[in-house]
Amino acid sequence: MGSSSFSSSFKVLLFMIPLAVLFGFVSVMGPRASTSPVILSNHPWLWSSFSSSSSSSNNNQLKIDVVASKAKAVDLHSTVVMAGVEDKKEGLLSDPLNLNRSSSTPTAVQPTVQVQDQSNSTMEIDGLNISLSTTNKTLGVAVAAAINETHAVPMKAERKRAVTKLEKLEAGLQRARVAIKEASIGNQTQDPDFVPLGPMYWDSKAFHRSYLEMEQKFKVFVYEEGEPPVFHDGPCKSIYSMEGNFIYTMEVNKQFRTKEADKAHVFFLPFSVVKLVRFVYVRDSHDFGPIRRTVVDYVNLIAGKYPYWNRSLGADHFMLACHDWGPETSFSVPYLGKNSIRVLCNANTSEKFSPVKDVSFPEINLQTGRLTGLIGGPSPSRRSILAFFAGGVHGPIRPVLLEHWENKDEDIRVHKYLPKGVSYYEMMRKSKYCLCPSGYEVASPRVVEAIYTGCVPVLISEHYVPPFSDVLNWKSFSVALSTRDIPNLKSILTSISPRQYIRMHRRVVQVRRHFEFNSPPKRFDVFHMILHSIWLRRLNVRIQNDQSAVTS
């Protein structure tokens, strides 16, 4: 019996030992919290919204909320266009690019475009309105803690996603946002060619840094599909000259244009609205259908051939038009009008122009295709005329101007037609202020003509967003009036002191380089300023693509 008792005890002991070992192992490891990864990073400001749940009955799991307070949304006017998957769970930030990672194999999800209110997460740098962005949510990080042990058994390595080309591109944009923000509060960057200074700029240091970042990083892919004259062509010697000149310059440019679409930040749709009106629209038909169908067919073509339009629903694509029908043409494709960057001369907010995502660029009347004889004017002391205008009577504003001032005051020279032998440009050069009333559309080439001749522009318009106003403080070198101010035009202009007028004249001359057309382009000229405005809008867009490869 003793032998039998010993044998039974021995069997029980052999059974209990493995149980004890197993219990100890479980105690060391602690309860499994969830399948969510532990996030280890020295850069919490790059984290996006992430949540983890706990299944611990002993409440022995520490939950840490890290507020993404160091990064705020890149945003021109307190909204940001986000292209990607809503409320993505993002994980391990272990790669050197500090990119967001998914903790599991991504599933096929149709991309969506969101417009999110980032009013609590926008950092405005004066008028440039540049700030930093990932999201404005808090991050819940699950950290497993051992109960009674100080050493943890190594866990199996998580599967890690490959860094996609798009993520590398977005990481580069994030670094640019950081550099722009830091420049705003740092020292002025040196530049051998030009350093923007003065009250003409909302934030000269941020603008300069942004411009340099654009020169170093910005890449544009021009779709090669389509045939001239409607595509890859445009007018270069007319009131719409900047439409054709930009298309041509972009086609031959080697600094910003890339043939590798995966390296592009934006994608250019190279159709000319002027040529659409000339070659596609049936004159006097009042039928916009042929233009609309041409644009729809083109977007369908590039969307079927390349992945980039569907990836962002057009948010990183842009069109450019100086013709009055540019806005209407953009509405041919809903996402083109709603999401894409529209670069327009007709920058009219009452016609759905959005300064957040759209770009206003100047209308320049280059009859010869060159600036010969257009640039320059006398000093303020040699300008004897207070204000000048001559032009056709169309639109709602010009008839009011002529009614009150045509041939009624020697100081305010307003004409429908100039007297024979009188030079239009010479009258501008003799005038202190040049009146620039809108016609049928808000844009007018007189704005740039005034700047070229050193005449302070007086913008008389409603709902007009002046060119490059995300960078330039137009109030410092121009006068902005509405239609109701026309009867008091002389008293308004004479109330500006001679000292203030001289300041404004000097600033007009200083900003002139940003409106000059050069072939080939020169730094900070109108071509580069258009590109810079597009660059700023691209900084406001973060493209996310969940169709990513996974590596073990």
Protein backbone atom coordinates (compact mmCIF):
# COMPACT_ATOMS: atom_id res chain seq x y z
CA MET A 1 0.00 0.00 0.00
CA GLY A 2 2.85 2.34 0.79
CA SER A 3 4.32 1.61 -2.60
CA SER A 4 0.97 2.34 -4.26
CA SER A 5 0.59 5.62 -2.32
CA PHE A 6 4.11 6.72 -3.35
CA SER A 7 3.35 5.92 -7.00
CA SER A 8 0.13 7.94 -6.94
CA SER A 9 1.84 10.92 -5.30
CA PHE A 10 4.63 10.77 -7.88
CA LYS A 11 2.11 10.79 -10.75
CA VAL A 12 0.29 13.79 -9.23
CA LEU A 13 3.62 15.60 -8.85
CA LEU A 14 4.52 14.90 -12.48
CA PHE A 15 1.13 16.31 -13.51
CA MET A 16 1.39 19.44 -11.32
CA ILE A 17 4.88 20.53 -12.39
CA PRO A 18 3.92 21.33 -16.01
CA LEU A 19 0.82 23.14 -14.77
CA ALA A 20 2.95 25.28 -12.46
CA VAL A 21 5.36 26.08 -15.28
CA LEU A 22 2.48 27.02 -17.57
CA PHE A 23 0.90 29.20 -14.90
CA GLY A 24 4.20 30.99 -14.34
CA PHE A 25 4.58 31.62 -18.07
CA VAL A 26 1.09 33.14 -18.25
CA SER A 27 1.83 35.30 -15.22
CA VAL A 28 4.99 36.62 -16.81
CA MET A 29 3.31 37.40 -20.11
CA GLY A 30 0.22 38.93 -18.56
CA PRO A 31 -3.19 38.77 -20.21
CA ARG A 32 -3.37 39.31 -23.95
CA ALA A 33 -4.84 42.74 -24.48
CA SER A 34 -5.68 42.77 -28.18
CA THR A 35 -4.23 42.24 -31.62
CA SER A 36 -3.34 45.94 -31.87
CA PRO A 37 0.40 46.59 -31.96
CA VAL A 38 2.40 48.42 -29.36
CA ILE A 39 3.45 51.69 -30.94
CA LEU A 40 7.03 52.61 -30.27
CA SER A 41 8.16 55.94 -31.67
CA ASN A 42 10.02 59.03 -30.67
CA HIS A 43 7.69 61.10 -32.88
CA PRO A 44 4.20 61.02 -31.38
CA TRP A 45 3.15 64.11 -33.34
CA LEU A 46 3.08 61.98 -36.50
CA TRP A 47 0.56 59.53 -35.11
CA SER A 48 -2.99 59.45 -36.37
CA SER A 49 -6.15 58.25 -34.68
CA PHE A 50 -5.64 54.81 -33.19
CA SER A 51 -7.60 52.89 -30.56
CA SER A 52 -6.96 49.66 -28.75
CA SER A 53 -9.27 47.64 -26.56
CA SER A 54 -8.49 45.67 -23.43
CA SER A 55 -9.79 42.27 -22.46
CA SER A 56 -7.98 42.18 -19.14
CA SER A 57 -10.17 41.25 -16.22
CA ASN A 58 -7.46 42.38 -13.79
CA ASN A 59 -7.28 45.87 -15.27
CA ASN A 60 -3.51 45.50 -15.40
CA GLN A 61 -3.07 47.19 -18.81
CA LEU A 62 -1.87 50.79 -18.94
CA LYS A 63 -3.63 53.01 -21.50
CA ILE A 64 -1.78 56.12 -22.58
CA ASP A 65 -3.42 58.92 -24.55
CA VAL A 66 -0.93 60.92 -26.57
CA VAL A 67 -2.36 64.16 -27.96
CA ALA A 68 -1.06 64.99 -31.41
CA SER A 69 -0.31 68.56 -30.38
CA LYS A 70 2.89 69.21 -32.23
CA ALA A 71 1.44 68.79 -35.70
CA LYS A 72 -1.54 70.60 -37.13
CA ALA A 73 -3.30 70.48 -40.45
CA VAL A 74 -1.74 72.09 -43.47
CA ASP A 75 -4.50 74.36 -44.50
CA LEU A 76 -4.93 77.63 -46.35
CA HIS A 77 -8.38 78.44 -45.05
CA SER A 78 -9.21 76.06 -42.20
CA THR A 79 -10.35 73.06 -44.25
CA VAL A 80 -8.27 70.28 -45.70
CA VAL A 81 -9.03 67.89 -48.52
CA MET A 82 -8.20 64.36 -47.43
CA ALA A 83 -8.09 61.56 -49.96
CA GLY A 84 -7.96 58.07 -48.49
CA VAL A 85 -9.80 55.84 -46.05
CA GLU A 86 -11.76 57.40 -43.20
CA ASP A 87 -10.57 56.75 -39.63
CA LYS A 88 -7.69 54.47 -40.62
CA LYS A 89 -6.08 52.48 -37.79
CA GLU A 90 -2.42 53.24 -38.16
CA GLY A 91 0.40 51.48 -36.40
CA LEU A 92 4.12 50.87 -36.20
CA LEU A 93 6.32 53.87 -36.91
CA SER A 94 9.54 51.91 -37.02
CA ASP A 95 10.88 52.93 -40.42
CA PRO A 96 13.23 55.88 -40.84
CA LEU A 97 10.62 57.91 -42.72
CA ASN A 98 8.30 57.94 -39.69
CA LEU A 99 5.39 56.84 -41.85
CA ASN A 100 2.02 55.66 -40.62
CA ARG A 101 1.56 51.89 -40.77
CA SER A 102 -1.41 49.55 -40.77
CA SER A 103 -1.32 46.73 -38.23
CA SER A 104 -2.96 44.26 -40.59
CA THR A 105 -3.08 43.39 -44.25
CA PRO A 106 -4.99 46.20 -45.99
CA THR A 107 -8.28 45.32 -47.58
CA ALA A 108 -9.59 46.69 -50.85
CA VAL A 109 -11.52 49.84 -50.01
CA GLN A 110 -12.88 52.33 -52.51
CA PRO A 111 -11.07 55.67 -52.00
CA THR A 112 -13.12 58.55 -50.71
CA VAL A 113 -12.49 62.28 -50.61
CA GLN A 114 -13.38 64.09 -47.45
CA VAL A 115 -13.49 67.78 -46.56
CA GLN A 116 -12.85 67.97 -42.85
CA ASP A 117 -13.15 70.97 -40.58
CA GLN A 118 -9.75 71.52 -39.01
CA SER A 119 -10.63 74.76 -37.25
CA ASN A 120 -9.10 73.52 -34.01
CA SER A 121 -5.93 72.39 -35.68
CA THR A 122 -4.91 75.14 -38.06
CA MET A 123 -1.84 77.23 -37.49
CA GLU A 124 -1.99 80.39 -39.57
CA ILE A 125 1.29 82.01 -40.53
CA ASP A 126 -0.10 85.43 -41.36
CA GLY A 127 -1.59 85.43 -44.85
CA LEU A 128 0.33 82.40 -46.05
CA ASN A 129 -1.68 80.23 -43.63
CA ILE A 130 0.79 77.36 -43.56
CA SER A 131 0.63 74.80 -40.79
CA LEU A 132 1.38 71.13 -40.17
CA SER A 133 -0.88 68.13 -40.51
CA THR A 134 -1.68 64.55 -39.88
CA THR A 135 -4.97 64.49 -37.92
CA ASN A 136 -6.45 66.29 -34.92
CA LYS A 137 -7.51 63.23 -32.94
CA THR A 138 -5.94 61.64 -29.86
CA LEU A 139 -4.04 58.39 -29.93
CA GLY A 140 -4.79 55.57 -27.51
CA VAL A 141 -1.70 53.39 -27.13
CA ALA A 142 -2.05 49.98 -25.49
CA VAL A 143 1.03 49.04 -23.51
CA ALA A 144 1.18 45.53 -21.98
CA ALA A 145 2.76 45.50 -18.53
CA ALA A 146 4.03 42.52 -16.62
CA ILE A 147 2.47 41.95 -13.19
CA ASN A 148 5.22 40.47 -11.05
CA GLU A 149 8.21 40.16 -13.38
CA THR A 150 10.74 42.62 -14.72
CA HIS A 151 11.71 40.55 -17.78
CA ALA A 152 9.31 39.80 -20.61
CA VAL A 153 9.50 36.90 -23.00
CA PRO A 154 10.20 38.25 -26.54
CA MET A 155 7.06 38.38 -28.64
CA LYS A 156 6.78 37.27 -32.25
CA ALA A 157 7.69 40.05 -34.65
CA GLU A 158 4.78 41.86 -36.32
CA ARG A 159 4.42 41.72 -40.07
CA LYS A 160 5.58 45.04 -41.46
CA ARG A 161 4.18 46.86 -44.48
CA ALA A 162 6.44 47.96 -47.27
CA VAL A 163 6.95 51.69 -47.68
CA THR A 164 5.09 52.70 -50.81
CA LYS A 165 6.22 55.39 -53.23
CA LEU A 166 3.16 57.41 -52.30
CA GLU A 167 4.08 57.28 -48.60
CA LYS A 168 7.61 58.43 -49.38
CA LEU A 169 6.13 61.28 -51.39
CA GLU A 170 3.84 62.28 -48.53
CA ALA A 171 6.73 62.07 -46.04
CA GLY A 172 8.68 64.52 -48.18
CA LEU A 173 5.73 66.92 -48.17
CA GLN A 174 5.50 66.62 -44.41
CA ARG A 175 9.15 67.61 -44.08
CA ALA A 176 8.46 70.60 -46.32
CA ARG A 177 5.58 71.67 -44.05
CA VAL A 178 7.89 71.50 -41.04
CA ALA A 179 10.57 73.55 -42.81
CA ILE A 180 8.06 76.24 -43.81
CA LYS A 181 6.72 76.53 -40.28
CA GLU A 182 10.19 76.76 -38.78
CA ALA A 183 11.24 79.39 -41.32
CA SER A 184 8.39 81.65 -40.25
CA ILE A 185 9.87 82.01 -36.77
CA GLY A 186 13.53 81.75 -37.77
CA ASN A 187 16.05 83.92 -39.57
CA GLN A 188 15.59 85.07 -43.14
CA THR A 189 16.99 82.56 -45.63
CA GLN A 190 19.74 83.92 -47.84
CA ASP A 191 19.36 83.79 -51.61
CA PRO A 192 21.80 85.00 -54.29
CA ASP A 193 19.02 86.12 -56.66
CA PHE A 194 16.18 87.54 -54.61
CA VAL A 195 15.03 87.75 -51.01
CA PRO A 196 11.36 88.72 -50.56
CA LEU A 197 11.05 91.43 -47.94
CA GLY A 198 8.51 94.02 -46.95
CA PRO A 199 4.81 94.45 -46.18
CA MET A 200 3.87 93.25 -49.70
CA TYR A 201 4.17 89.71 -48.31
CA TRP A 202 2.00 88.23 -45.61
CA ASP A 203 5.04 86.32 -44.32
CA SER A 204 8.15 86.84 -46.42
CA LYS A 205 10.25 84.22 -44.60
CA ALA A 206 7.62 81.50 -44.87
CA PHE A 207 7.08 82.33 -48.54
CA HIS A 208 10.80 82.24 -49.29
CA ARG A 209 11.25 78.88 -47.56
CA SER A 210 8.19 77.50 -49.31
CA TYR A 211 9.51 78.68 -52.67
CA LEU A 212 12.89 77.03 -52.05
CA GLU A 213 11.20 73.80 -50.97
CA MET A 214 9.21 73.89 -54.20
CA GLU A 215 12.37 74.33 -56.25
CA GLN A 216 13.96 71.35 -54.53
CA LYS A 217 11.03 68.93 -54.41
CA PHE A 218 8.04 69.78 -56.60
CA LYS A 219 7.37 67.48 -59.55
CA VAL A 220 4.58 67.72 -62.11
CA PHE A 221 3.43 64.92 -64.40
CA VAL A 222 1.91 66.14 -67.66
CA TYR A 223 -0.41 63.62 -69.28
CA GLU A 224 0.77 63.03 -72.84
CA GLU A 225 -2.60 61.84 -74.12
CA GLY A 226 -4.53 64.16 -76.44
CA GLU A 227 -3.62 65.92 -79.67
CA PRO A 228 -3.13 69.59 -80.55
CA PRO A 229 -4.68 72.04 -81.02
CA VAL A 230 -7.10 71.28 -78.16
CA PHE A 231 -4.46 69.55 -76.02
CA HIS A 232 -0.82 70.52 -75.43
CA ASP A 233 -1.40 73.88 -77.12
CA GLY A 234 -2.88 77.27 -76.34
CA PRO A 235 -2.86 80.96 -77.26
CA CYS A 236 0.39 82.84 -76.62
CA LYS A 237 -0.40 86.22 -78.22
CA SER A 238 -3.74 87.41 -76.92
CA ILE A 239 -5.60 88.44 -73.80
CA TYR A 240 -5.52 84.75 -72.86
CA SER A 241 -1.78 84.44 -73.49
CA MET A 242 -0.92 83.01 -70.08
CA GLU A 243 -3.04 79.93 -70.79
CA GLY A 244 -0.94 78.97 -73.81
CA ASN A 245 2.35 80.17 -72.35
CA PHE A 246 1.95 78.08 -69.22
CA ILE A 247 1.01 74.96 -71.20
CA TYR A 248 3.99 75.39 -73.51
CA THR A 249 6.45 76.19 -70.69
CA MET A 250 5.26 73.24 -68.62
CA GLU A 251 5.64 70.91 -71.61
CA VAL A 252 9.32 71.79 -72.15
CA ASN A 253 10.32 72.40 -68.52
CA LYS A 254 13.01 70.07 -67.22
CA GLN A 255 13.19 71.24 -63.60
CA PHE A 256 9.62 70.57 -62.50
CA ARG A 257 8.24 68.21 -65.12
CA THR A 258 8.81 64.50 -64.52
CA LYS A 259 8.16 61.61 -66.88
CA GLU A 260 7.93 59.24 -63.86
CA ALA A 261 4.34 59.52 -62.67
CA ASP A 262 5.07 57.79 -59.34
CA LYS A 263 7.38 60.69 -58.43
CA ALA A 264 4.83 63.40 -59.25
CA HIS A 265 3.12 65.51 -56.60
CA VAL A 266 0.51 66.81 -59.04
CA PHE A 267 -0.85 65.82 -62.45
CA PHE A 268 -1.59 68.37 -65.18
CA LEU A 269 -4.57 68.02 -67.52
CA PRO A 270 -3.13 69.89 -70.56
CA PHE A 271 -6.28 71.00 -72.38
CA SER A 272 -6.82 74.60 -73.45
CA VAL A 273 -10.27 76.06 -72.83
CA VAL A 274 -9.58 78.75 -75.43
CA LYS A 275 -8.93 76.04 -78.03
CA LEU A 276 -11.97 74.05 -76.85
CA VAL A 277 -14.11 77.11 -77.49
CA ARG A 278 -12.52 77.66 -80.89
CA PHE A 279 -12.42 74.11 -82.24
CA VAL A 280 -15.06 72.13 -80.31
CA TYR A 281 -17.81 74.60 -79.47
CA VAL A 282 -20.24 75.32 -82.30
CA ARG A 283 -20.35 79.09 -82.60
CA ASP A 284 -23.63 80.73 -81.53
CA SER A 285 -25.13 77.32 -80.74
CA HIS A 286 -25.36 78.01 -77.00
CA ASP A 287 -24.67 74.29 -76.59
CA PHE A 288 -21.91 73.55 -74.09
CA GLY A 289 -22.33 69.81 -74.62
CA PRO A 290 -19.40 69.26 -77.06
CA ILE A 291 -16.92 70.89 -74.65
CA ARG A 292 -18.33 68.95 -71.72
CA ARG A 293 -18.13 65.63 -73.55
CA THR A 294 -14.53 66.30 -74.64
CA VAL A 295 -13.42 66.91 -71.05
CA VAL A 296 -15.37 63.90 -69.75
CA ASP A 297 -13.84 61.65 -72.40
CA TYR A 298 -10.34 62.87 -71.57
CA VAL A 299 -10.70 62.29 -67.83
CA ASN A 300 -12.15 58.84 -68.50
CA LEU A 301 -9.18 58.09 -70.75
CA ILE A 302 -6.49 59.00 -68.23
CA ALA A 303 -8.47 57.45 -65.34
CA GLY A 304 -8.64 54.15 -67.22
CA LYS A 305 -5.00 54.18 -68.27
CA TYR A 306 -3.41 55.40 -65.01
CA PRO A 307 -4.26 54.81 -61.33
CA TYR A 308 -3.71 58.37 -60.15
CA TRP A 309 -7.08 60.01 -60.81
CA ASN A 310 -9.03 57.27 -59.05
CA ARG A 311 -6.50 57.16 -56.21
CA SER A 312 -7.32 60.72 -55.15
CA LEU A 313 -10.53 61.37 -57.12
CA GLY A 314 -8.68 64.22 -58.79
CA ALA A 315 -7.48 65.99 -55.65
CA ASP A 316 -3.84 66.03 -56.83
CA HIS A 317 -4.74 66.99 -60.42
CA PHE A 318 -4.96 70.50 -61.84
CA MET A 319 -6.32 72.29 -64.88
CA LEU A 320 -5.49 75.82 -66.02
CA ALA A 321 -7.71 78.25 -67.91
CA CYS A 322 -7.74 81.98 -68.58
CA HIS A 323 -10.85 81.92 -70.73
CA ASP A 324 -14.10 83.07 -69.12
CA TRP A 325 -15.54 79.58 -69.60
CA GLY A 326 -12.84 77.95 -67.48
CA PRO A 327 -15.02 77.45 -64.40
CA GLU A 328 -17.91 76.04 -66.45
CA THR A 329 -15.53 73.67 -68.22
CA SER A 330 -14.31 72.33 -64.87
CA PHE A 331 -17.85 71.35 -63.90
CA SER A 332 -17.99 68.92 -66.84
CA VAL A 333 -16.58 66.33 -64.43
CA PRO A 334 -17.94 66.67 -60.87
CA TYR A 335 -14.68 65.70 -59.17
CA LEU A 336 -12.72 68.07 -61.41
CA GLY A 337 -14.78 71.00 -60.19
CA LYS A 338 -15.09 69.81 -56.60
CA ASN A 339 -11.72 68.26 -55.77
CA SER A 340 -9.11 69.26 -58.34
CA ILE A 341 -6.93 72.37 -58.21
CA ARG A 342 -8.44 74.81 -60.71
CA VAL A 343 -5.98 77.47 -61.86
CA LEU A 344 -8.20 80.27 -63.16
CA CYS A 345 -7.98 83.88 -64.30
CA ASN A 346 -11.70 84.16 -63.60
CA ALA A 347 -11.31 83.76 -59.84
CA ASN A 348 -14.87 84.61 -58.85
CA THR A 349 -16.06 83.33 -55.47
CA SER A 350 -19.69 83.81 -56.50
CA GLU A 351 -19.05 81.18 -59.21
CA LYS A 352 -17.68 78.55 -56.80
CA PHE A 353 -14.03 79.63 -56.89
CA SER A 354 -12.55 78.32 -53.64
CA PRO A 355 -9.33 80.01 -52.42
CA VAL A 356 -8.70 76.93 -50.27
CA LYS A 357 -8.01 74.66 -53.24
CA ASP A 358 -8.15 76.85 -56.37
CA VAL A 359 -5.51 79.23 -57.73
CA SER A 360 -6.01 82.74 -59.07
CA PHE A 361 -3.48 83.70 -61.73
CA PRO A 362 -3.13 86.95 -63.69
CA GLU A 363 -4.63 87.77 -67.05
CA ILE A 364 -1.83 89.22 -69.21
CA ASN A 365 -2.49 90.67 -72.65
CA LEU A 366 0.65 89.87 -74.66
CA GLN A 367 -0.21 90.91 -78.19
CA THR A 368 3.33 90.25 -79.39
CA GLY A 369 4.09 87.42 -76.99
CA ARG A 370 6.77 89.53 -75.30
CA LEU A 371 7.05 92.30 -72.71
CA THR A 372 9.05 94.65 -74.94
CA GLY A 373 7.93 98.24 -74.27
CA LEU A 374 5.49 97.28 -71.50
CA ILE A 375 7.72 97.48 -68.44
CA GLY A 376 8.67 100.68 -66.65
CA GLY A 377 7.37 104.16 -65.90
CA PRO A 378 8.36 107.52 -64.42
CA SER A 379 8.72 108.39 -60.76
CA PRO A 380 5.70 109.50 -58.68
CA SER A 381 6.65 113.18 -59.01
CA ARG A 382 6.24 113.00 -62.80
CA ARG A 383 2.73 111.53 -62.73
CA SER A 384 0.28 114.39 -63.14
CA ILE A 385 -3.00 112.48 -63.55
CA LEU A 386 -4.75 111.22 -60.41
CA ALA A 387 -6.57 108.25 -61.99
CA PHE A 388 -7.11 106.79 -65.45
CA PHE A 389 -9.34 104.27 -67.24
CA ALA A 390 -10.13 103.54 -70.88
CA GLY A 391 -12.01 100.49 -72.10
CA GLY A 392 -15.14 98.86 -73.42
CA VAL A 393 -18.43 99.12 -71.57
CA HIS A 394 -19.51 95.64 -70.57
CA GLY A 395 -20.48 94.02 -67.33
CA PRO A 396 -22.32 95.69 -64.41
CA ILE A 397 -19.50 97.89 -63.04
CA ARG A 398 -18.10 99.83 -65.99
CA PRO A 399 -21.37 101.58 -66.93
CA VAL A 400 -21.54 102.96 -63.39
CA LEU A 401 -17.94 104.19 -63.65
CA LEU A 402 -18.56 105.97 -66.95
CA GLU A 403 -21.85 107.44 -65.75
CA HIS A 404 -20.13 109.18 -62.84
CA TRP A 405 -16.74 110.08 -64.30
CA GLU A 406 -16.55 110.03 -68.10
CA ASN A 407 -15.24 113.45 -69.24
CA LYS A 408 -16.32 115.06 -65.96
CA ASP A 409 -13.05 115.70 -64.09
CA GLU A 410 -9.53 116.54 -65.23
CA ASP A 411 -8.06 114.53 -62.38
CA ILE A 412 -10.15 111.41 -63.06
CA ARG A 413 -9.62 110.53 -66.75
CA VAL A 414 -12.28 108.00 -67.67
CA HIS A 415 -12.87 107.17 -71.34
CA LYS A 416 -14.83 104.67 -73.36
CA TYR A 417 -12.54 105.38 -76.29
CA LEU A 418 -9.28 107.28 -76.11
CA PRO A 419 -8.95 110.42 -78.24
CA LYS A 420 -7.10 109.89 -81.49
CA GLY A 421 -3.32 109.95 -81.08
CA VAL A 422 -3.40 109.32 -77.30
CA SER A 423 -1.38 106.27 -76.16
CA TYR A 424 -3.04 103.93 -73.69
CA TYR A 425 0.24 102.94 -72.04
CA GLU A 426 1.49 106.52 -71.92
CA MET A 427 -1.67 107.52 -70.08
CA MET A 428 -0.96 104.77 -67.55
CA ARG A 429 2.59 106.02 -67.11
CA LYS A 430 1.32 109.55 -66.44
CA SER A 431 -1.21 108.39 -63.83
CA LYS A 432 -0.79 107.78 -60.13
CA TYR A 433 -3.68 105.31 -59.95
CA CYS A 434 -5.03 103.04 -62.69
CA LEU A 435 -8.67 102.02 -62.43
CA CYS A 436 -9.23 98.28 -63.02
CA PRO A 437 -13.00 97.64 -63.05
CA SER A 438 -14.26 94.14 -63.77
CA GLY A 439 -16.10 93.54 -67.03
CA TYR A 440 -18.32 90.55 -67.73
CA GLU A 441 -15.85 88.55 -65.67
CA VAL A 442 -13.94 89.62 -62.58
CA ALA A 443 -10.41 89.45 -64.01
CA SER A 444 -8.92 92.27 -66.05
CA PRO A 445 -5.55 92.57 -67.82
CA ARG A 446 -5.40 96.18 -66.58
CA VAL A 447 -4.25 94.94 -63.18
CA VAL A 448 -0.99 93.62 -64.61
CA GLU A 449 -0.68 96.51 -67.08
CA ALA A 450 -0.85 98.91 -64.14
CA ILE A 451 1.82 96.98 -62.25
CA TYR A 452 4.06 96.89 -65.35
CA THR A 453 3.90 100.69 -65.73
CA GLY A 454 4.31 101.49 -62.02
CA CYS A 455 0.73 102.71 -61.66
CA VAL A 456 -1.00 101.77 -58.40
CA PRO A 457 -3.93 99.50 -59.34
CA VAL A 458 -7.41 100.32 -58.09
CA LEU A 459 -9.41 97.08 -58.12
CA ILE A 460 -13.13 97.78 -58.59
CA SER A 461 -14.83 94.41 -58.41
CA GLU A 462 -17.10 92.10 -56.50
CA HIS A 463 -16.13 88.57 -55.42
CA TYR A 464 -12.66 88.74 -57.03
CA VAL A 465 -9.66 86.94 -55.50
CA PRO A 466 -6.50 88.70 -56.79
CA PRO A 467 -3.59 86.59 -58.08
CA PHE A 468 -1.18 85.07 -55.56
CA SER A 469 -3.12 86.55 -52.65
CA ASP A 470 -2.07 83.62 -50.46
CA VAL A 471 1.42 85.18 -50.55
CA LEU A 472 0.92 88.83 -51.51
CA ASN A 473 -0.74 91.41 -49.28
CA TRP A 474 -2.58 93.36 -51.96
CA LYS A 475 -3.71 96.01 -49.48
CA SER A 476 -0.12 97.22 -49.22
CA PHE A 477 0.25 98.11 -52.91
CA SER A 478 -3.26 98.53 -54.34
CA VAL A 479 -6.65 100.03 -53.56
CA ALA A 480 -9.70 97.75 -53.41
CA LEU A 481 -13.15 99.30 -53.99
CA SER A 482 -16.66 98.06 -54.59
CA THR A 483 -19.25 99.39 -57.01
CA ARG A 484 -20.87 101.52 -54.32
CA ASP A 485 -17.58 103.41 -53.83
CA ILE A 486 -17.49 104.73 -57.41
CA PRO A 487 -19.31 108.03 -56.71
CA ASN A 488 -16.73 108.83 -54.01
CA LEU A 489 -13.75 107.74 -56.09
CA LYS A 490 -11.92 111.08 -56.09
CA SER A 491 -12.35 111.75 -52.39
CA ILE A 492 -11.12 108.21 -51.58
CA LEU A 493 -7.97 108.57 -53.68
CA THR A 494 -7.15 112.11 -52.54
CA SER A 495 -7.47 111.00 -48.91
CA ILE A 496 -4.41 108.80 -49.40
CA SER A 497 -1.45 110.89 -48.26
CA PRO A 498 1.43 111.61 -50.66
CA ARG A 499 3.74 109.69 -48.37
CA GLN A 500 1.51 106.61 -48.43
CA TYR A 501 1.12 106.84 -52.20
CA ILE A 502 4.91 106.88 -52.64
CA ARG A 503 5.14 103.76 -50.46
CA MET A 504 2.49 102.01 -52.55
CA HIS A 505 4.23 102.98 -55.79
CA ARG A 506 7.53 101.60 -54.52
CA ARG A 507 5.86 98.34 -53.51
CA VAL A 508 4.21 97.99 -56.93
CA VAL A 509 7.66 98.19 -58.51
CA GLN A 510 8.99 95.62 -56.02
CA VAL A 511 6.28 93.01 -56.67
CA ARG A 512 6.40 93.51 -60.43
CA ARG A 513 8.84 90.64 -60.93
CA HIS A 514 6.13 88.21 -59.76
CA PHE A 515 3.91 89.23 -62.70
CA GLU A 516 6.52 89.36 -65.44
CA PHE A 517 6.44 86.74 -68.17
CA ASN A 518 9.85 85.49 -69.27
CA SER A 519 10.87 82.99 -71.92
CA PRO A 520 12.65 81.03 -70.62
CA PRO A 521 11.23 81.56 -67.12
CA LYS A 522 13.20 83.32 -64.38
CA ARG A 523 13.01 82.64 -60.67
CA PHE A 524 10.06 84.24 -58.88
CA ASP A 525 8.41 85.31 -62.16
CA VAL A 526 4.79 84.67 -63.09
CA PHE A 527 5.36 81.07 -64.23
CA HIS A 528 7.06 80.17 -60.96
CA MET A 529 4.45 82.02 -58.90
CA ILE A 530 1.68 80.01 -60.58
CA LEU A 531 3.58 76.82 -59.80
CA HIS A 532 4.13 77.97 -56.22
CA SER A 533 0.39 78.54 -55.74
CA ILE A 534 -0.25 75.00 -57.01
CA TRP A 535 2.50 73.72 -54.67
CA LEU A 536 0.78 75.38 -51.71
CA ARG A 537 -2.53 73.71 -52.59
CA ARG A 538 -0.80 70.35 -52.84
CA LEU A 539 0.62 70.87 -49.36
CA ASN A 540 -3.01 71.09 -48.26
CA VAL A 541 -3.83 67.63 -49.59
CA ARG A 542 -2.78 64.32 -48.07
CA ILE A 543 -3.29 61.34 -50.34
CA GLN A 544 -3.75 57.96 -48.66
CA ASN A 545 -3.86 54.66 -50.51
CA ASP A 546 -4.70 51.42 -48.70
CA GLN A 547 -3.85 49.21 -51.67
CA SER A 548 -0.35 48.58 -50.31
CA ALA A 549 1.92 45.57 -50.33
CA VAL A 550 2.71 43.74 -47.08
CA THR A 551 6.10 42.25 -46.31
CA SER A 552 6.96 39.84 -43.56
